[in-house]
């Protein structure tokens, strides 16, 4: 039986450097092409993030921020509108997480993609176009500059300024309270779930 004392980490702050990925309607097939989804586990998916946008047919590097050494240690991705649209594949946030991304800030996210991010403890924060454009440009100019995300307060600090962002209410509560990992919650409460099931007539046949 799993350890009932196992704790899910709270995600109330994320700090690190950024990487700007520009463009609207970047779908999950661009984030992780379907041919890389034939894996038994998600391990190793990170290297295939944005693969077709990063490499040509001969595996030569294209012009893409994820190929730039200056963004190699980035953990905050700054994107534009409708990021993660398309299919609901959970491989997309899994690949980004394994590349090193801990948070995403953008103009907007596809609902299922945002939900899949939440299941990994990755906040998806939104702001208007001007705010995102300014942050992307700052990150481009300051690849080593620190970004401080306060999920609870819905703020982002960088370069001596603070801007407001929006976090979905349910997402913010789950992250800040440390209840975002539903699988871990079920494992931690396995005994209570079994006791409840044993008292349900439609589950026991009584």
C-alpha atoms as a PDB file:
ATOM      1  CA  UNK A   1       0.000   0.000   0.000  1.00  0.00           C
ATOM      2  CA  UNK A   2       1.227   3.497  -0.758  1.00  0.00           C
ATOM      3  CA  UNK A   3       2.498   5.684   2.043  1.00  0.00           C
ATOM      4  CA  UNK A   4      -0.549   7.681   3.249  1.00  0.00           C
ATOM      5  CA  UNK A   5       1.753  10.408   4.520  1.00  0.00           C
ATOM      6  CA  UNK A   6       3.130  11.109   1.042  1.00  0.00           C
ATOM      7  CA  UNK A   7       2.761  14.817   0.385  1.00  0.00           C
ATOM      8  CA  UNK A   8       2.020  16.540  -2.899  1.00  0.00           C
ATOM      9  CA  UNK A   9       4.216  19.632  -3.231  1.00  0.00           C
ATOM     10  CA  UNK A  10       2.525  23.006  -3.242  1.00  0.00           C
ATOM     11  CA  UNK A  11       3.194  25.055  -6.370  1.00  0.00           C
ATOM     12  CA  UNK A  12       2.729  28.614  -5.156  1.00  0.00           C
ATOM     13  CA  UNK A  13       5.921  30.074  -6.627  1.00  0.00           C
ATOM     14  CA  UNK A  14       8.044  29.330  -9.688  1.00  0.00           C
ATOM     15  CA  UNK A  15      11.359  31.098 -10.271  1.00  0.00           C
ATOM     16  CA  UNK A  16      13.747  30.762 -13.175  1.00  0.00           C
ATOM     17  CA  UNK A  17      14.741  32.032 -16.598  1.00  0.00           C
ATOM     18  CA  UNK A  18      12.506  32.244 -19.631  1.00  0.00           C
ATOM     19  CA  UNK A  19      12.287  31.104 -23.220  1.00  0.00           C
ATOM     20  CA  UNK A  20      10.038  32.905 -25.731  1.00  0.00           C
ATOM     21  CA  UNK A  21       8.098  30.737 -28.189  1.00  0.00           C
ATOM     22  CA  UNK A  22       6.175  33.048 -30.491  1.00  0.00           C
ATOM     23  CA  UNK A  23       3.112  32.276 -32.573  1.00  0.00           C
ATOM     24  CA  UNK A  24      -0.615  31.749 -32.108  1.00  0.00           C
ATOM     25  CA  UNK A  25      -2.416  28.400 -32.355  1.00  0.00           C
ATOM     26  CA  UNK A  26       0.641  26.252 -31.677  1.00  0.00           C
ATOM     27  CA  UNK A  27      -0.990  22.838 -31.424  1.00  0.00           C
ATOM     28  CA  UNK A  28       0.004  19.685 -29.598  1.00  0.00           C
ATOM     29  CA  UNK A  29       1.261  18.046 -32.798  1.00  0.00           C
ATOM     30  CA  UNK A  30       3.815  20.836 -33.121  1.00  0.00           C
ATOM     31  CA  UNK A  31       4.743  20.495 -29.450  1.00  0.00           C
ATOM     32  CA  UNK A  32       5.285  16.720 -29.793  1.00  0.00           C
ATOM     33  CA  UNK A  33       4.826  15.110 -33.241  1.00  0.00           C
ATOM     34  CA  UNK A  34       2.674  11.970 -33.229  1.00  0.00           C
ATOM     35  CA  UNK A  35       5.472   9.646 -34.359  1.00  0.00           C
ATOM     36  CA  UNK A  36       7.250  10.173 -31.032  1.00  0.00           C
ATOM     37  CA  UNK A  37       4.227   9.024 -29.045  1.00  0.00           C
ATOM     38  CA  UNK A  38       4.840   5.304 -29.579  1.00  0.00           C
ATOM     39  CA  UNK A  39       6.692   5.041 -26.287  1.00  0.00           C
ATOM     40  CA  UNK A  40       5.734   2.896 -23.318  1.00  0.00           C
ATOM     41  CA  UNK A  41       6.619   5.656 -20.830  1.00  0.00           C
ATOM     42  CA  UNK A  42       7.018   9.412 -21.108  1.00  0.00           C
ATOM     43  CA  UNK A  43      10.738   9.221 -20.268  1.00  0.00           C
ATOM     44  CA  UNK A  44      12.908  10.820 -22.926  1.00  0.00           C
ATOM     45  CA  UNK A  45      10.100  12.773 -24.601  1.00  0.00           C
ATOM     46  CA  UNK A  46      11.756  16.089 -23.764  1.00  0.00           C
ATOM     47  CA  UNK A  47      14.332  15.799 -26.527  1.00  0.00           C
ATOM     48  CA  UNK A  48      11.532  15.599 -29.102  1.00  0.00           C
ATOM     49  CA  UNK A  49       9.744  18.794 -28.019  1.00  0.00           C
ATOM     50  CA  UNK A  50       8.953  20.950 -31.084  1.00  0.00           C
ATOM     51  CA  UNK A  51      11.057  18.520 -33.115  1.00  0.00           C
ATOM     52  CA  UNK A  52       9.703  19.392 -36.572  1.00  0.00           C
ATOM     53  CA  UNK A  53      10.065  23.105 -35.867  1.00  0.00           C
ATOM     54  CA  UNK A  54      13.617  22.599 -34.595  1.00  0.00           C
ATOM     55  CA  UNK A  55      15.013  20.257 -37.267  1.00  0.00           C
ATOM     56  CA  UNK A  56      14.651  19.728 -41.002  1.00  0.00           C
ATOM     57  CA  UNK A  57      14.284  16.342 -42.737  1.00  0.00           C
ATOM     58  CA  UNK A  58      18.042  15.806 -42.492  1.00  0.00           C
ATOM     59  CA  UNK A  59      18.080  16.611 -38.763  1.00  0.00           C
ATOM     60  CA  UNK A  60      19.804  19.934 -39.346  1.00  0.00           C
ATOM     61  CA  UNK A  61      18.879  22.592 -36.806  1.00  0.00           C
ATOM     62  CA  UNK A  62      16.383  25.262 -37.765  1.00  0.00           C
ATOM     63  CA  UNK A  63      16.073  28.709 -36.233  1.00  0.00           C
ATOM     64  CA  UNK A  64      14.140  27.998 -33.031  1.00  0.00           C
ATOM     65  CA  UNK A  65      14.645  29.270 -29.470  1.00  0.00           C
ATOM     66  CA  UNK A  66      14.856  25.729 -28.107  1.00  0.00           C
ATOM     67  CA  UNK A  67      17.976  25.213 -30.215  1.00  0.00           C
ATOM     68  CA  UNK A  68      19.687  28.266 -28.735  1.00  0.00           C
ATOM     69  CA  UNK A  69      22.236  27.596 -26.012  1.00  0.00           C
ATOM     70  CA  UNK A  70      21.268  30.793 -24.197  1.00  0.00           C
ATOM     71  CA  UNK A  71      17.844  29.314 -23.432  1.00  0.00           C
ATOM     72  CA  UNK A  72      19.168  25.865 -22.546  1.00  0.00           C
ATOM     73  CA  UNK A  73      18.423  26.182 -18.830  1.00  0.00           C
ATOM     74  CA  UNK A  74      15.101  28.014 -19.164  1.00  0.00           C
ATOM     75  CA  UNK A  75      12.156  26.699 -17.160  1.00  0.00           C
ATOM     76  CA  UNK A  76       9.482  29.340 -17.898  1.00  0.00           C
ATOM     77  CA  UNK A  77       8.026  29.306 -21.422  1.00  0.00           C
ATOM     78  CA  UNK A  78       6.369  32.507 -22.663  1.00  0.00           C
ATOM     79  CA  UNK A  79       3.886  31.874 -25.477  1.00  0.00           C
ATOM     80  CA  UNK A  80       1.073  33.577 -27.347  1.00  0.00           C
ATOM     81  CA  UNK A  81      -2.593  32.716 -27.871  1.00  0.00           C
ATOM     82  CA  UNK A  82      -4.384  29.349 -27.997  1.00  0.00           C
ATOM     83  CA  UNK A  83      -1.239  27.437 -27.093  1.00  0.00           C
ATOM     84  CA  UNK A  84      -1.717  23.673 -26.873  1.00  0.00           C
ATOM     85  CA  UNK A  85      -4.766  23.507 -29.136  1.00  0.00           C
ATOM     86  CA  UNK A  86      -5.544  20.496 -31.324  1.00  0.00           C
ATOM     87  CA  UNK A  87      -5.616  16.975 -29.958  1.00  0.00           C
ATOM     88  CA  UNK A  88      -5.843  16.291 -26.246  1.00  0.00           C
ATOM     89  CA  UNK A  89      -2.586  14.313 -26.054  1.00  0.00           C
ATOM     90  CA  UNK A  90      -1.047  14.512 -22.601  1.00  0.00           C
ATOM     91  CA  UNK A  91       2.330  13.843 -24.214  1.00  0.00           C
ATOM     92  CA  UNK A  92       2.605  17.570 -25.022  1.00  0.00           C
ATOM     93  CA  UNK A  93       2.978  18.893 -21.454  1.00  0.00           C
ATOM     94  CA  UNK A  94       4.878  15.720 -20.542  1.00  0.00           C
ATOM     95  CA  UNK A  95       7.451  16.558 -23.242  1.00  0.00           C
ATOM     96  CA  UNK A  96       7.728  20.181 -22.124  1.00  0.00           C
ATOM     97  CA  UNK A  97       8.146  19.140 -18.497  1.00  0.00           C
ATOM     98  CA  UNK A  98      10.901  16.721 -19.444  1.00  0.00           C
ATOM     99  CA  UNK A  99      12.626  19.432 -21.452  1.00  0.00           C
ATOM    100  CA  UNK A 100      12.670  21.445 -18.234  1.00  0.00           C
ATOM    101  CA  UNK A 101       9.580  23.652 -18.277  1.00  0.00           C
ATOM    102  CA  UNK A 102       8.024  24.356 -14.856  1.00  0.00           C
ATOM    103  CA  UNK A 103       5.520  27.063 -15.855  1.00  0.00           C
ATOM    104  CA  UNK A 104       3.936  28.642 -18.919  1.00  0.00           C
ATOM    105  CA  UNK A 105       2.867  32.256 -19.324  1.00  0.00           C
ATOM    106  CA  UNK A 106       0.813  33.144 -22.378  1.00  0.00           C
ATOM    107  CA  UNK A 107      -2.117  34.967 -23.915  1.00  0.00           C
ATOM    108  CA  UNK A 108      -4.289  31.870 -23.786  1.00  0.00           C
ATOM    109  CA  UNK A 109      -4.204  28.085 -23.511  1.00  0.00           C
ATOM    110  CA  UNK A 110      -6.403  25.320 -24.850  1.00  0.00           C
ATOM    111  CA  UNK A 111      -8.549  24.054 -21.983  1.00  0.00           C
ATOM    112  CA  UNK A 112      -7.531  20.385 -22.158  1.00  0.00           C
ATOM    113  CA  UNK A 113      -3.861  21.295 -22.501  1.00  0.00           C
ATOM    114  CA  UNK A 114      -4.098  23.495 -19.405  1.00  0.00           C
ATOM    115  CA  UNK A 115      -5.779  20.640 -17.549  1.00  0.00           C
ATOM    116  CA  UNK A 116      -3.015  18.247 -18.561  1.00  0.00           C
ATOM    117  CA  UNK A 117      -0.456  20.784 -17.343  1.00  0.00           C
ATOM    118  CA  UNK A 118      -2.240  21.036 -14.002  1.00  0.00           C
ATOM    119  CA  UNK A 119      -2.024  17.258 -13.593  1.00  0.00           C
ATOM    120  CA  UNK A 120       1.766  17.682 -13.710  1.00  0.00           C
ATOM    121  CA  UNK A 121       1.874  20.676 -11.381  1.00  0.00           C
ATOM    122  CA  UNK A 122       2.691  23.097 -14.209  1.00  0.00           C
ATOM    123  CA  UNK A 123       0.852  26.432 -13.888  1.00  0.00           C
ATOM    124  CA  UNK A 124      -0.531  28.079 -17.023  1.00  0.00           C
ATOM    125  CA  UNK A 125      -0.846  31.823 -16.455  1.00  0.00           C
ATOM    126  CA  UNK A 126      -2.440  34.279 -18.855  1.00  0.00           C
ATOM    127  CA  UNK A 127      -2.098  37.988 -19.621  1.00  0.00           C
ATOM    128  CA  UNK A 128      -3.004  40.337 -22.455  1.00  0.00           C
ATOM    129  CA  UNK A 129      -1.086  40.563 -25.719  1.00  0.00           C
ATOM    130  CA  UNK A 130       0.896  43.674 -24.792  1.00  0.00           C
ATOM    131  CA  UNK A 131       2.035  42.198 -21.478  1.00  0.00           C
ATOM    132  CA  UNK A 132       3.100  38.931 -23.116  1.00  0.00           C
ATOM    133  CA  UNK A 133       4.830  40.711 -25.998  1.00  0.00           C
ATOM    134  CA  UNK A 134       6.815  42.859 -23.553  1.00  0.00           C
ATOM    135  CA  UNK A 135       7.803  39.802 -21.509  1.00  0.00           C
ATOM    136  CA  UNK A 136       8.846  37.838 -24.600  1.00  0.00           C
ATOM    137  CA  UNK A 137      11.016  40.716 -25.762  1.00  0.00           C
ATOM    138  CA  UNK A 138      12.570  41.107 -22.320  1.00  0.00           C
ATOM    139  CA  UNK A 139      13.350  37.386 -22.184  1.00  0.00           C
ATOM    140  CA  UNK A 140      14.880  37.598 -25.657  1.00  0.00           C
ATOM    141  CA  UNK A 141      17.076  40.470 -24.508  1.00  0.00           C
ATOM    142  CA  UNK A 142      17.801  38.985 -21.073  1.00  0.00           C
ATOM    143  CA  UNK A 143      18.070  35.189 -21.399  1.00  0.00           C
ATOM    144  CA  UNK A 144      19.711  34.973 -17.975  1.00  0.00           C
ATOM    145  CA  UNK A 145      17.176  37.314 -16.357  1.00  0.00           C
ATOM    146  CA  UNK A 146      15.146  35.913 -13.488  1.00  0.00           C
ATOM    147  CA  UNK A 147      11.375  35.602 -13.655  1.00  0.00           C
ATOM    148  CA  UNK A 148       9.452  35.242 -10.379  1.00  0.00           C
ATOM    149  CA  UNK A 149       5.946  33.817 -10.575  1.00  0.00           C
ATOM    150  CA  UNK A 150       3.594  34.101  -7.607  1.00  0.00           C
ATOM    151  CA  UNK A 151       0.731  31.751  -8.402  1.00  0.00           C
ATOM    152  CA  UNK A 152      -1.328  32.675  -5.349  1.00  0.00           C
ATOM    153  CA  UNK A 153      -0.995  36.436  -5.879  1.00  0.00           C
ATOM    154  CA  UNK A 154      -1.262  36.130  -9.683  1.00  0.00           C
ATOM    155  CA  UNK A 155       1.802  38.256 -10.360  1.00  0.00           C
ATOM    156  CA  UNK A 156       4.988  37.947 -12.394  1.00  0.00           C
ATOM    157  CA  UNK A 157       8.117  39.914 -11.543  1.00  0.00           C
ATOM    158  CA  UNK A 158      10.975  40.484 -13.948  1.00  0.00           C
ATOM    159  CA  UNK A 159      13.473  43.207 -14.731  1.00  0.00           C
ATOM    160  CA  UNK A 160      12.400  45.382 -11.817  1.00  0.00           C
ATOM    161  CA  UNK A 161       8.724  45.392 -12.744  1.00  0.00           C
ATOM    162  CA  UNK A 162       5.643  43.470 -11.650  1.00  0.00           C
ATOM    163  CA  UNK A 163       2.722  42.569 -13.894  1.00  0.00           C
ATOM    164  CA  UNK A 164      -0.591  40.947 -13.130  1.00  0.00           C
ATOM    165  CA  UNK A 165      -1.512  37.600 -14.640  1.00  0.00           C
ATOM    166  CA  UNK A 166      -4.565  35.387 -14.375  1.00  0.00           C
ATOM    167  CA  UNK A 167      -4.715  31.840 -13.083  1.00  0.00           C
ATOM    168  CA  UNK A 168      -7.912  29.808 -13.327  1.00  0.00           C
ATOM    169  CA  UNK A 169      -9.482  29.730  -9.854  1.00  0.00           C
ATOM    170  CA  UNK A 170      -9.651  25.937  -9.659  1.00  0.00           C
ATOM    171  CA  UNK A 171      -6.103  25.597 -10.950  1.00  0.00           C
ATOM    172  CA  UNK A 172      -4.763  28.154  -8.507  1.00  0.00           C
ATOM    173  CA  UNK A 173      -6.417  26.435  -5.534  1.00  0.00           C
ATOM    174  CA  UNK A 174      -5.166  23.003  -6.610  1.00  0.00           C
ATOM    175  CA  UNK A 175      -1.592  24.224  -7.072  1.00  0.00           C
ATOM    176  CA  UNK A 176      -1.375  26.396  -3.966  1.00  0.00           C
ATOM    177  CA  UNK A 177      -3.082  23.833  -1.716  1.00  0.00           C
ATOM    178  CA  UNK A 178      -1.037  20.943  -3.096  1.00  0.00           C
ATOM    179  CA  UNK A 179      -4.000  18.946  -4.380  1.00  0.00           C
ATOM    180  CA  UNK A 180      -3.151  18.984  -8.093  1.00  0.00           C
ATOM    181  CA  UNK A 181      -1.919  15.381  -8.319  1.00  0.00           C
ATOM    182  CA  UNK A 182      -5.187  13.433  -8.252  1.00  0.00           C
ATOM    183  CA  UNK A 183      -3.449  10.074  -8.657  1.00  0.00           C
ATOM    184  CA  UNK A 184      -1.265  10.713  -5.608  1.00  0.00           C
ATOM    185  CA  UNK A 185      -4.333  11.893  -3.677  1.00  0.00           C
ATOM    186  CA  UNK A 186      -6.133   8.653  -4.430  1.00  0.00           C
ATOM    187  CA  UNK A 187      -3.104   6.598  -3.401  1.00  0.00           C
ATOM    188  CA  UNK A 188      -2.690   8.566  -0.187  1.00  0.00           C
ATOM    189  CA  UNK A 189      -6.357   8.003   0.653  1.00  0.00           C
ATOM    190  CA  UNK A 190      -6.546   4.413  -0.521  1.00  0.00           C
ATOM    191  CA  UNK A 191      -7.827   3.121   2.829  1.00  0.00           C
ATOM    192  CA  UNK A 192     -10.595   5.736   3.055  1.00  0.00           C
ATOM    193  CA  UNK A 193     -11.643   5.020  -0.527  1.00  0.00           C
ATOM    194  CA  UNK A 194     -11.822   1.283   0.210  1.00  0.00           C
ATOM    195  CA  UNK A 195     -13.898   1.895   3.350  1.00  0.00           C
ATOM    196  CA  UNK A 196     -16.292   4.160   1.461  1.00  0.00           C
ATOM    197  CA  UNK A 197     -16.634   1.642  -1.368  1.00  0.00           C
ATOM    198  CA  UNK A 198     -17.336  -1.139   1.124  1.00  0.00           C
ATOM    199  CA  UNK A 199     -20.320   0.815   2.444  1.00  0.00           C
ATOM    200  CA  UNK A 200     -21.850   1.508  -0.968  1.00  0.00           C
ATOM    201  CA  UNK A 201     -24.649  -0.964  -1.690  1.00  0.00           C
ATOM    202  CA  UNK A 202     -24.204  -0.719  -5.443  1.00  0.00           C
ATOM    203  CA  UNK A 203     -20.483  -1.544  -5.028  1.00  0.00           C
ATOM    204  CA  UNK A 204     -20.912  -4.437  -2.590  1.00  0.00           C
ATOM    205  CA  UNK A 205     -24.079  -5.927  -4.011  1.00  0.00           C
ATOM    206  CA  UNK A 206     -25.868  -5.706  -0.652  1.00  0.00           C
END
